[in-house]
Amino acid sequence: MNNNSEARPMDSEEARSLVLEPYITEKTFNLIEKENKLTFIVTEKADKRQITEALKVLYGAEVSRVNTARTIHGKKAFVKFTGSEGARDLATKLGLV
């Protein structure tokens, strides 16, 4: 039984342990502008549901979709936000733009 995270809400410490840092390059910056997406480096064990919940806990962000990929930089989460300016608003809040 490994469904403890469904039985209780995620706390901010657990959320920070899953979502490690934003990942910004010229390509990911273009994703903010064109597709309303931000990219984060996450732990290998983080699944899409946990990433969505962690972003809500950490930033109050409303996420519409999460795609993940394993890369040489670690596991990345490409996060699309529900609001039309969701990615830009969060990037501004984080001091990325």
PDB file of N, CA and C in Angstrom:
ATOM      1  N   MET A   1       0.836  -1.193   0.000  1.00  0.00           N
ATOM      2  CA  MET A   1       0.000   0.000   0.000  1.00  0.00           C
ATOM      3  C   MET A   1       0.869   1.239   0.000  1.00  0.00           C
ATOM      4  N   ASN A   2       0.960   1.881  -1.136  1.00  0.00           N
ATOM      5  CA  ASN A   2       1.794   3.064  -1.241  1.00  0.00           C
ATOM      6  C   ASN A   2       0.955   4.271  -1.633  1.00  0.00           C
ATOM      7  N   ASN A   3      -0.267   4.348  -1.142  1.00  0.00           N
ATOM      8  CA  ASN A   3      -1.173   5.442  -1.490  1.00  0.00           C
ATOM      9  C   ASN A   3      -1.331   6.442  -0.359  1.00  0.00           C
ATOM     10  N   ASN A   4      -0.297   6.604   0.455  1.00  0.00           N
ATOM     11  CA  ASN A   4      -0.383   7.542   1.570  1.00  0.00           C
ATOM     12  C   ASN A   4      -0.629   8.967   1.118  1.00  0.00           C
ATOM     13  N   SER A   5      -0.076   9.353  -0.043  1.00  0.00           N
ATOM     14  CA  SER A   5      -0.226  10.738  -0.488  1.00  0.00           C
ATOM     15  C   SER A   5      -1.672  11.061  -0.870  1.00  0.00           C
ATOM     16  N   GLU A   6      -2.456  10.034  -1.209  1.00  0.00           N
ATOM     17  CA  GLU A   6      -3.870  10.282  -1.525  1.00  0.00           C
ATOM     18  C   GLU A   6      -4.702  10.433  -0.263  1.00  0.00           C
ATOM     19  N   ALA A   7      -4.263   9.818   0.841  1.00  0.00           N
ATOM     20  CA  ALA A   7      -5.022   9.850   2.077  1.00  0.00           C
ATOM     21  C   ALA A   7      -4.882  11.184   2.803  1.00  0.00           C
ATOM     22  N   ARG A   8      -3.790  11.883   2.584  1.00  0.00           N
ATOM     23  CA  ARG A   8      -3.563  13.152   3.273  1.00  0.00           C
ATOM     24  C   ARG A   8      -3.064  14.188   2.278  1.00  0.00           C
ATOM     25  N   PRO A   9      -3.325  15.453   2.556  1.00  0.00           N
ATOM     26  CA  PRO A   9      -2.839  16.498   1.640  1.00  0.00           C
ATOM     27  C   PRO A   9      -1.314  16.581   1.685  1.00  0.00           C
ATOM     28  N   MET A  10      -0.729  16.988   0.572  1.00  0.00           N
ATOM     29  CA  MET A  10       0.717  17.160   0.488  1.00  0.00           C
ATOM     30  C   MET A  10       1.106  18.436   1.218  1.00  0.00           C
ATOM     31  N   ASP A  11       2.176  18.360   2.017  1.00  0.00           N
ATOM     32  CA  ASP A  11       2.656  19.582   2.679  1.00  0.00           C
ATOM     33  C   ASP A  11       3.753  20.226   1.840  1.00  0.00           C
ATOM     34  N   SER A  12       4.126  21.450   2.206  1.00  0.00           N
ATOM     35  CA  SER A  12       5.069  22.197   1.382  1.00  0.00           C
ATOM     36  C   SER A  12       6.450  21.559   1.369  1.00  0.00           C
ATOM     37  N   GLU A  13       6.852  20.916   2.448  1.00  0.00           N
ATOM     38  CA  GLU A  13       8.156  20.243   2.478  1.00  0.00           C
ATOM     39  C   GLU A  13       8.192  19.081   1.487  1.00  0.00           C
ATOM     40  N   GLU A  14       7.136  18.293   1.461  1.00  0.00           N
ATOM     41  CA  GLU A  14       7.041  17.185   0.514  1.00  0.00           C
ATOM     42  C   GLU A  14       6.994  17.710  -0.926  1.00  0.00           C
ATOM     43  N   ALA A  15       6.267  18.798  -1.148  1.00  0.00           N
ATOM     44  CA  ALA A  15       6.177  19.393  -2.481  1.00  0.00           C
ATOM     45  C   ALA A  15       7.551  19.866  -2.947  1.00  0.00           C
ATOM     46  N   ARG A  16       8.314  20.516  -2.047  1.00  0.00           N
ATOM     47  CA  ARG A  16       9.663  20.985  -2.398  1.00  0.00           C
ATOM     48  C   ARG A  16      10.612  19.832  -2.689  1.00  0.00           C
ATOM     49  N   SER A  17      10.368  18.678  -2.064  1.00  0.00           N
ATOM     50  CA  SER A  17      11.249  17.530  -2.310  1.00  0.00           C
ATOM     51  C   SER A  17      10.955  16.888  -3.674  1.00  0.00           C
ATOM     52  N   LEU A  18       9.776  17.149  -4.242  1.00  0.00           N
ATOM     53  CA  LEU A  18       9.409  16.590  -5.552  1.00  0.00           C
ATOM     54  C   LEU A  18       9.781  17.532  -6.696  1.00  0.00           C
ATOM     55  N   VAL A  19       9.445  18.809  -6.557  1.00  0.00           N
ATOM     56  CA  VAL A  19       9.728  19.810  -7.588  1.00  0.00           C
ATOM     57  C   VAL A  19      11.007  20.530  -7.155  1.00  0.00           C
ATOM     58  N   LEU A  20      12.117  20.209  -7.829  1.00  0.00           N
ATOM     59  CA  LEU A  20      13.418  20.687  -7.381  1.00  0.00           C
ATOM     60  C   LEU A  20      13.698  22.128  -7.769  1.00  0.00           C
ATOM     61  N   GLU A  21      13.474  22.472  -9.062  1.00  0.00           N
ATOM     62  CA  GLU A  21      13.760  23.830  -9.508  1.00  0.00           C
ATOM     63  C   GLU A  21      13.168  24.064 -10.887  1.00  0.00           C
ATOM     64  N   PRO A  22      12.906  25.324 -11.230  1.00  0.00           N
ATOM     65  CA  PRO A  22      12.497  25.634 -12.606  1.00  0.00           C
ATOM     66  C   PRO A  22      13.691  25.420 -13.532  1.00  0.00           C
ATOM     67  N   TYR A  23      13.422  25.062 -14.767  1.00  0.00           N
ATOM     68  CA  TYR A  23      14.476  24.857 -15.758  1.00  0.00           C
ATOM     69  C   TYR A  23      14.237  25.845 -16.887  1.00  0.00           C
ATOM     70  N   ILE A  24      15.141  26.811 -17.032  1.00  0.00           N
ATOM     71  CA  ILE A  24      14.946  27.859 -18.036  1.00  0.00           C
ATOM     72  C   ILE A  24      16.108  27.865 -19.024  1.00  0.00           C
ATOM     73  N   THR A  25      15.766  27.735 -20.283  1.00  0.00           N
ATOM     74  CA  THR A  25      16.691  27.908 -21.397  1.00  0.00           C
ATOM     75  C   THR A  25      15.961  28.773 -22.420  1.00  0.00           C
ATOM     76  N   GLU A  26      16.615  29.078 -23.510  1.00  0.00           N
ATOM     77  CA  GLU A  26      15.931  29.843 -24.554  1.00  0.00           C
ATOM     78  C   GLU A  26      14.708  29.077 -25.067  1.00  0.00           C
ATOM     79  N   LYS A  27      14.863  27.762 -25.222  1.00  0.00           N
ATOM     80  CA  LYS A  27      13.757  26.943 -25.714  1.00  0.00           C
ATOM     81  C   LYS A  27      12.589  26.924 -24.716  1.00  0.00           C
ATOM     82  N   THR A  28      12.898  26.732 -23.431  1.00  0.00           N
ATOM     83  CA  THR A  28      11.805  26.690 -22.451  1.00  0.00           C
ATOM     84  C   THR A  28      11.195  28.065 -22.245  1.00  0.00           C
ATOM     85  N   PHE A  29      11.979  29.120 -22.431  1.00  0.00           N
ATOM     86  CA  PHE A  29      11.433  30.476 -22.359  1.00  0.00           C
ATOM     87  C   PHE A  29      10.392  30.674 -23.467  1.00  0.00           C
ATOM     88  N   ASN A  30      10.677  30.138 -24.663  1.00  0.00           N
ATOM     89  CA  ASN A  30       9.709  30.207 -25.764  1.00  0.00           C
ATOM     90  C   ASN A  30       8.433  29.438 -25.440  1.00  0.00           C
ATOM     91  N   LEU A  31       8.544  28.342 -24.673  1.00  0.00           N
ATOM     92  CA  LEU A  31       7.348  27.591 -24.266  1.00  0.00           C
ATOM     93  C   LEU A  31       6.443  28.446 -23.383  1.00  0.00           C
ATOM     94  N   ILE A  32       7.045  29.290 -22.552  1.00  0.00           N
ATOM     95  CA  ILE A  32       6.252  30.193 -21.705  1.00  0.00           C
ATOM     96  C   ILE A  32       5.429  31.113 -22.596  1.00  0.00           C
ATOM     97  N   GLU A  33       6.085  31.709 -23.571  1.00  0.00           N
ATOM     98  CA  GLU A  33       5.438  32.695 -24.442  1.00  0.00           C
ATOM     99  C   GLU A  33       4.402  32.078 -25.383  1.00  0.00           C
ATOM    100  N   LYS A  34       4.740  30.952 -26.003  1.00  0.00           N
ATOM    101  CA  LYS A  34       3.906  30.402 -27.074  1.00  0.00           C
ATOM    102  C   LYS A  34       2.881  29.363 -26.623  1.00  0.00           C
ATOM    103  N   GLU A  35       3.230  28.575 -25.570  1.00  0.00           N
ATOM    104  CA  GLU A  35       2.365  27.447 -25.208  1.00  0.00           C
ATOM    105  C   GLU A  35       1.861  27.477 -23.772  1.00  0.00           C
ATOM    106  N   ASN A  36       2.170  28.549 -23.022  1.00  0.00           N
ATOM    107  CA  ASN A  36       1.709  28.662 -21.639  1.00  0.00           C
ATOM    108  C   ASN A  36       2.236  27.506 -20.787  1.00  0.00           C
ATOM    109  N   LYS A  37       3.521  27.147 -21.005  1.00  0.00           N
ATOM    110  CA  LYS A  37       4.137  26.039 -20.277  1.00  0.00           C
ATOM    111  C   LYS A  37       5.408  26.498 -19.581  1.00  0.00           C
ATOM    112  N   LEU A  38       5.646  25.915 -18.403  1.00  0.00           N
ATOM    113  CA  LEU A  38       6.905  26.075 -17.684  1.00  0.00           C
ATOM    114  C   LEU A  38       7.529  24.699 -17.529  1.00  0.00           C
ATOM    115  N   THR A  39       8.853  24.669 -17.443  1.00  0.00           N
ATOM    116  CA  THR A  39       9.572  23.411 -17.286  1.00  0.00           C
ATOM    117  C   THR A  39      10.244  23.398 -15.916  1.00  0.00           C
ATOM    118  N   PHE A  40      10.135  22.266 -15.231  1.00  0.00           N
ATOM    119  CA  PHE A  40      10.743  22.094 -13.913  1.00  0.00           C
ATOM    120  C   PHE A  40      11.572  20.826 -13.897  1.00  0.00           C
ATOM    121  N   ILE A  41      12.656  20.823 -13.119  1.00  0.00           N
ATOM    122  CA  ILE A  41      13.387  19.603 -12.819  1.00  0.00           C
ATOM    123  C   ILE A  41      12.696  18.999 -11.593  1.00  0.00           C
ATOM    124  N   VAL A  42      12.341  17.727 -11.693  1.00  0.00           N
ATOM    125  CA  VAL A  42      11.637  17.038 -10.612  1.00  0.00           C
ATOM    126  C   VAL A  42      12.407  15.769 -10.243  1.00  0.00           C
ATOM    127  N   THR A  43      12.074  15.179  -9.112  1.00  0.00           N
ATOM    128  CA  THR A  43      12.730  13.933  -8.718  1.00  0.00           C
ATOM    129  C   THR A  43      12.269  12.798  -9.621  1.00  0.00           C
ATOM    130  N   GLU A  44      13.103  11.792  -9.726  1.00  0.00           N
ATOM    131  CA  GLU A  44      12.791  10.630 -10.577  1.00  0.00           C
ATOM    132  C   GLU A  44      11.496   9.939 -10.150  1.00  0.00           C
ATOM    133  N   LYS A  45      11.194   9.967  -8.856  1.00  0.00           N
ATOM    134  CA  LYS A  45      10.015   9.245  -8.352  1.00  0.00           C
ATOM    135  C   LYS A  45       8.708  10.020  -8.536  1.00  0.00           C
ATOM    136  N   ALA A  46       8.781  11.298  -8.881  1.00  0.00           N
ATOM    137  CA  ALA A  46       7.578  12.130  -8.979  1.00  0.00           C
ATOM    138  C   ALA A  46       6.725  11.713 -10.175  1.00  0.00           C
ATOM    139  N   ASP A  47       5.423  11.489  -9.927  1.00  0.00           N
ATOM    140  CA  ASP A  47       4.513  11.203 -11.039  1.00  0.00           C
ATOM    141  C   ASP A  47       3.708  12.459 -11.374  1.00  0.00           C
ATOM    142  N   LYS A  48       2.962  12.398 -12.453  1.00  0.00           N
ATOM    143  CA  LYS A  48       2.252  13.587 -12.951  1.00  0.00           C
ATOM    144  C   LYS A  48       1.264  14.137 -11.930  1.00  0.00           C
ATOM    145  N   ARG A  49       0.562  13.267 -11.244  1.00  0.00           N
ATOM    146  CA  ARG A  49      -0.412  13.710 -10.240  1.00  0.00           C
ATOM    147  C   ARG A  49       0.293  14.419  -9.091  1.00  0.00           C
ATOM    148  N   GLN A  50       1.423  13.849  -8.647  1.00  0.00           N
ATOM    149  CA  GLN A  50       2.173  14.468  -7.552  1.00  0.00           C
ATOM    150  C   GLN A  50       2.739  15.827  -7.965  1.00  0.00           C
ATOM    151  N   ILE A  51       3.217  15.928  -9.206  1.00  0.00           N
ATOM    152  CA  ILE A  51       3.763  17.196  -9.702  1.00  0.00           C
ATOM    153  C   ILE A  51       2.670  18.268  -9.721  1.00  0.00           C
ATOM    154  N   THR A  52       1.489  17.897 -10.214  1.00  0.00           N
ATOM    155  CA  THR A  52       0.357  18.826 -10.242  1.00  0.00           C
ATOM    156  C   THR A  52       0.029  19.310  -8.842  1.00  0.00           C
ATOM    157  N   GLU A  53      -0.056  18.379  -7.889  1.00  0.00           N
ATOM    158  CA  GLU A  53      -0.392  18.736  -6.515  1.00  0.00           C
ATOM    159  C   GLU A  53       0.708  19.594  -5.879  1.00  0.00           C
ATOM    160  N   ALA A  54       1.974  19.248  -6.148  1.00  0.00           N
ATOM    161  CA  ALA A  54       3.093  20.001  -5.573  1.00  0.00           C
ATOM    162  C   ALA A  54       3.090  21.444  -6.065  1.00  0.00           C
ATOM    163  N   LEU A  55       2.817  21.660  -7.349  1.00  0.00           N
ATOM    164  CA  LEU A  55       2.782  23.026  -7.882  1.00  0.00           C
ATOM    165  C   LEU A  55       1.630  23.826  -7.289  1.00  0.00           C
ATOM    166  N   LYS A  56       0.531  23.149  -7.018  1.00  0.00           N
ATOM    167  CA  LYS A  56      -0.605  23.830  -6.377  1.00  0.00           C
ATOM    168  C   LYS A  56      -0.238  24.237  -4.949  1.00  0.00           C
ATOM    169  N   VAL A  57       0.428  23.332  -4.223  1.00  0.00           N
ATOM    170  CA  VAL A  57       0.834  23.613  -2.839  1.00  0.00           C
ATOM    171  C   VAL A  57       1.876  24.734  -2.797  1.00  0.00           C
ATOM    172  N   LEU A  58       2.888  24.649  -3.666  1.00  0.00           N
ATOM    173  CA  LEU A  58       3.991  25.609  -3.630  1.00  0.00           C
ATOM    174  C   LEU A  58       3.622  26.987  -4.156  1.00  0.00           C
ATOM    175  N   TYR A  59       2.850  27.018  -5.255  1.00  0.00           N
ATOM    176  CA  TYR A  59       2.621  28.292  -5.951  1.00  0.00           C
ATOM    177  C   TYR A  59       1.153  28.651  -6.147  1.00  0.00           C
ATOM    178  N   GLY A  60       0.239  27.802  -5.717  1.00  0.00           N
ATOM    179  CA  GLY A  60      -1.175  28.055  -5.943  1.00  0.00           C
ATOM    180  C   GLY A  60      -1.534  27.982  -7.424  1.00  0.00           C
ATOM    181  N   ALA A  61      -0.741  27.259  -8.196  1.00  0.00           N
ATOM    182  CA  ALA A  61      -0.907  27.206  -9.650  1.00  0.00           C
ATOM    183  C   ALA A  61      -1.967  26.196 -10.062  1.00  0.00           C
ATOM    184  N   GLU A  62      -2.783  26.592 -11.022  1.00  0.00           N
ATOM    185  CA  GLU A  62      -3.780  25.684 -11.599  1.00  0.00           C
ATOM    186  C   GLU A  62      -3.189  25.068 -12.866  1.00  0.00           C
ATOM    187  N   VAL A  63      -2.936  23.780 -12.805  1.00  0.00           N
ATOM    188  CA  VAL A  63      -2.274  23.048 -13.884  1.00  0.00           C
ATOM    189  C   VAL A  63      -3.308  22.315 -14.724  1.00  0.00           C
ATOM    190  N   SER A  64      -3.182  22.411 -16.052  1.00  0.00           N
ATOM    191  CA  SER A  64      -4.111  21.665 -16.903  1.00  0.00           C
ATOM    192  C   SER A  64      -3.504  20.362 -17.406  1.00  0.00           C
ATOM    193  N   ARG A  65      -2.153  20.322 -17.573  1.00  0.00           N
ATOM    194  CA  ARG A  65      -1.533  19.083 -18.075  1.00  0.00           C
ATOM    195  C   ARG A  65      -0.058  19.057 -17.696  1.00  0.00           C
ATOM    196  N   VAL A  66       0.447  17.847 -17.446  1.00  0.00           N
ATOM    197  CA  VAL A  66       1.863  17.640 -17.159  1.00  0.00           C
ATOM    198  C   VAL A  66       2.390  16.538 -18.065  1.00  0.00           C
ATOM    199  N   ASN A  67       3.493  16.825 -18.738  1.00  0.00           N
ATOM    200  CA  ASN A  67       4.220  15.805 -19.493  1.00  0.00           C
ATOM    201  C   ASN A  67       5.596  15.705 -18.862  1.00  0.00           C
ATOM    202  N   THR A  68       6.147  14.492 -18.799  1.00  0.00           N
ATOM    203  CA  THR A  68       7.473  14.323 -18.220  1.00  0.00           C
ATOM    204  C   THR A  68       8.406  13.666 -19.228  1.00  0.00           C
ATOM    205  N   ALA A  69       9.697  13.902 -19.021  1.00  0.00           N
ATOM    206  CA  ALA A  69      10.730  13.282 -19.859  1.00  0.00           C
ATOM    207  C   ALA A  69      11.993  13.137 -19.023  1.00  0.00           C
ATOM    208  N   ARG A  70      12.675  12.024 -19.233  1.00  0.00           N
ATOM    209  CA  ARG A  70      13.977  11.837 -18.579  1.00  0.00           C
ATOM    210  C   ARG A  70      15.059  12.317 -19.535  1.00  0.00           C
ATOM    211  N   THR A  71      15.937  13.201 -19.031  1.00  0.00           N
ATOM    212  CA  THR A  71      16.980  13.795 -19.866  1.00  0.00           C
ATOM    213  C   THR A  71      18.322  13.711 -19.133  1.00  0.00           C
ATOM    214  N   ILE A  72      19.366  14.177 -19.785  1.00  0.00           N
ATOM    215  CA  ILE A  72      20.676  14.187 -19.125  1.00  0.00           C
ATOM    216  C   ILE A  72      20.703  15.158 -17.946  1.00  0.00           C
ATOM    217  N   HIS A  73      19.774  16.089 -17.911  1.00  0.00           N
ATOM    218  CA  HIS A  73      19.673  17.048 -16.803  1.00  0.00           C
ATOM    219  C   HIS A  73      18.806  16.522 -15.673  1.00  0.00           C
ATOM    220  N   GLY A  74      18.245  15.334 -15.822  1.00  0.00           N
ATOM    221  CA  GLY A  74      17.342  14.763 -14.833  1.00  0.00           C
ATOM    222  C   GLY A  74      15.940  14.685 -15.409  1.00  0.00           C
ATOM    223  N   LYS A  75      14.986  14.345 -14.581  1.00  0.00           N
ATOM    224  CA  LYS A  75      13.598  14.252 -15.031  1.00  0.00           C
ATOM    225  C   LYS A  75      13.008  15.653 -15.109  1.00  0.00           C
ATOM    226  N   LYS A  76      12.424  15.965 -16.266  1.00  0.00           N
ATOM    227  CA  LYS A  76      11.795  17.266 -16.473  1.00  0.00           C
ATOM    228  C   LYS A  76      10.290  17.103 -16.539  1.00  0.00           C
ATOM    229  N   ALA A  77       9.596  18.097 -16.007  1.00  0.00           N
ATOM    230  CA  ALA A  77       8.141  18.158 -16.110  1.00  0.00           C
ATOM    231  C   ALA A  77       7.793  19.392 -16.931  1.00  0.00           C
ATOM    232  N   PHE A  78       7.078  19.184 -18.027  1.00  0.00           N
ATOM    233  CA  PHE A  78       6.596  20.276 -18.870  1.00  0.00           C
ATOM    234  C   PHE A  78       5.155  20.517 -18.448  1.00  0.00           C
ATOM    235  N   VAL A  79       4.901  21.658 -17.829  1.00  0.00           N
ATOM    236  CA  VAL A  79       3.625  21.927 -17.174  1.00  0.00           C
ATOM    237  C   VAL A  79       2.856  22.999 -17.935  1.00  0.00           C
ATOM    238  N   LYS A  80       1.643  22.638 -18.373  1.00  0.00           N
ATOM    239  CA  LYS A  80       0.749  23.593 -19.038  1.00  0.00           C
ATOM    240  C   LYS A  80      -0.257  24.076 -18.000  1.00  0.00           C
ATOM    241  N   PHE A  81      -0.470  25.396 -17.987  1.00  0.00           N
ATOM    242  CA  PHE A  81      -1.343  26.009 -16.986  1.00  0.00           C
ATOM    243  C   PHE A  81      -2.716  26.320 -17.568  1.00  0.00           C
ATOM    244  N   THR A  82      -3.731  26.398 -16.691  1.00  0.00           N
ATOM    245  CA  THR A  82      -5.102  26.608 -17.147  1.00  0.00           C
ATOM    246  C   THR A  82      -5.350  28.034 -17.611  1.00  0.00           C
ATOM    247  N   GLY A  83      -4.918  29.016 -16.862  1.00  0.00           N
ATOM    248  CA  GLY A  83      -5.135  30.407 -17.261  1.00  0.00           C
ATOM    249  C   GLY A  83      -4.284  30.757 -18.467  1.00  0.00           C
ATOM    250  N   SER A  84      -4.751  31.682 -19.292  1.00  0.00           N
ATOM    251  CA  SER A  84      -4.033  32.021 -20.514  1.00  0.00           C
ATOM    252  C   SER A  84      -2.653  32.617 -20.233  1.00  0.00           C
ATOM    253  N   GLU A  85      -2.461  33.211 -19.063  1.00  0.00           N
ATOM    254  CA  GLU A  85      -1.164  33.796 -18.693  1.00  0.00           C
ATOM    255  C   GLU A  85      -0.551  33.066 -17.499  1.00  0.00           C
ATOM    256  N   GLY A  86      -0.990  31.848 -17.227  1.00  0.00           N
ATOM    257  CA  GLY A  86      -0.535  31.110 -16.043  1.00  0.00           C
ATOM    258  C   GLY A  86       0.961  30.914 -15.975  1.00  0.00           C
ATOM    259  N   ALA A  87       1.570  30.495 -17.082  1.00  0.00           N
ATOM    260  CA  ALA A  87       3.012  30.254 -17.094  1.00  0.00           C
ATOM    261  C   ALA A  87       3.776  31.563 -16.930  1.00  0.00           C
ATOM    262  N   ARG A  88       3.357  32.595 -17.641  1.00  0.00           N
ATOM    263  CA  ARG A  88       4.036  33.891 -17.549  1.00  0.00           C
ATOM    264  C   ARG A  88       3.898  34.467 -16.135  1.00  0.00           C
ATOM    265  N   ASP A  89       2.699  34.363 -15.549  1.00  0.00           N
ATOM    266  CA  ASP A  89       2.486  34.885 -14.197  1.00  0.00           C
ATOM    267  C   ASP A  89       3.388  34.185 -13.185  1.00  0.00           C
ATOM    268  N   LEU A  90       3.468  32.835 -13.278  1.00  0.00           N
ATOM    269  CA  LEU A  90       4.302  32.104 -12.339  1.00  0.00           C
ATOM    270  C   LEU A  90       5.779  32.382 -12.597  1.00  0.00           C
ATOM    271  N   ALA A  91       6.180  32.471 -13.856  1.00  0.00           N
ATOM    272  CA  ALA A  91       7.581  32.779 -14.180  1.00  0.00           C
ATOM    273  C   ALA A  91       7.969  34.153 -13.624  1.00  0.00           C
ATOM    274  N   THR A  92       7.063  35.112 -13.714  1.00  0.00           N
ATOM    275  CA  THR A  92       7.309  36.442 -13.165  1.00  0.00           C
ATOM    276  C   THR A  92       7.420  36.379 -11.647  1.00  0.00           C
ATOM    277  N   LYS A  93       6.511  35.638 -11.028  1.00  0.00           N
ATOM    278  CA  LYS A  93       6.517  35.473  -9.569  1.00  0.00           C
ATOM    279  C   LYS A  93       7.827  34.843  -9.083  1.00  0.00           C
ATOM    280  N   LEU A  94       8.367  33.918  -9.901  1.00  0.00           N
ATOM    281  CA  LEU A  94       9.610  33.225  -9.542  1.00  0.00           C
ATOM    282  C   LEU A  94      10.859  34.012  -9.933  1.00  0.00           C
ATOM    283  N   GLY A  95      10.656  35.144 -10.633  1.00  0.00           N
ATOM    284  CA  GLY A  95      11.783  35.966 -11.049  1.00  0.00           C
ATOM    285  C   GLY A  95      12.529  35.415 -12.257  1.00  0.00           C
ATOM    286  N   LEU A  96      11.841  34.647 -13.081  1.00  0.00           N
ATOM    287  CA  LEU A  96      12.474  34.028 -14.251  1.00  0.00           C
ATOM    288  C   LEU A  96      12.416  34.904 -15.488  1.00  0.00           C
ATOM    289  N   VAL A  97      11.448  35.811 -15.532  1.00  0.00           N
ATOM    290  CA  VAL A  97      11.306  36.706 -16.694  1.00  0.00           C
ATOM    291  C   VAL A  97      11.339  38.156 -16.236  1.00  0.00           C
TER     292      VAL A  97
END
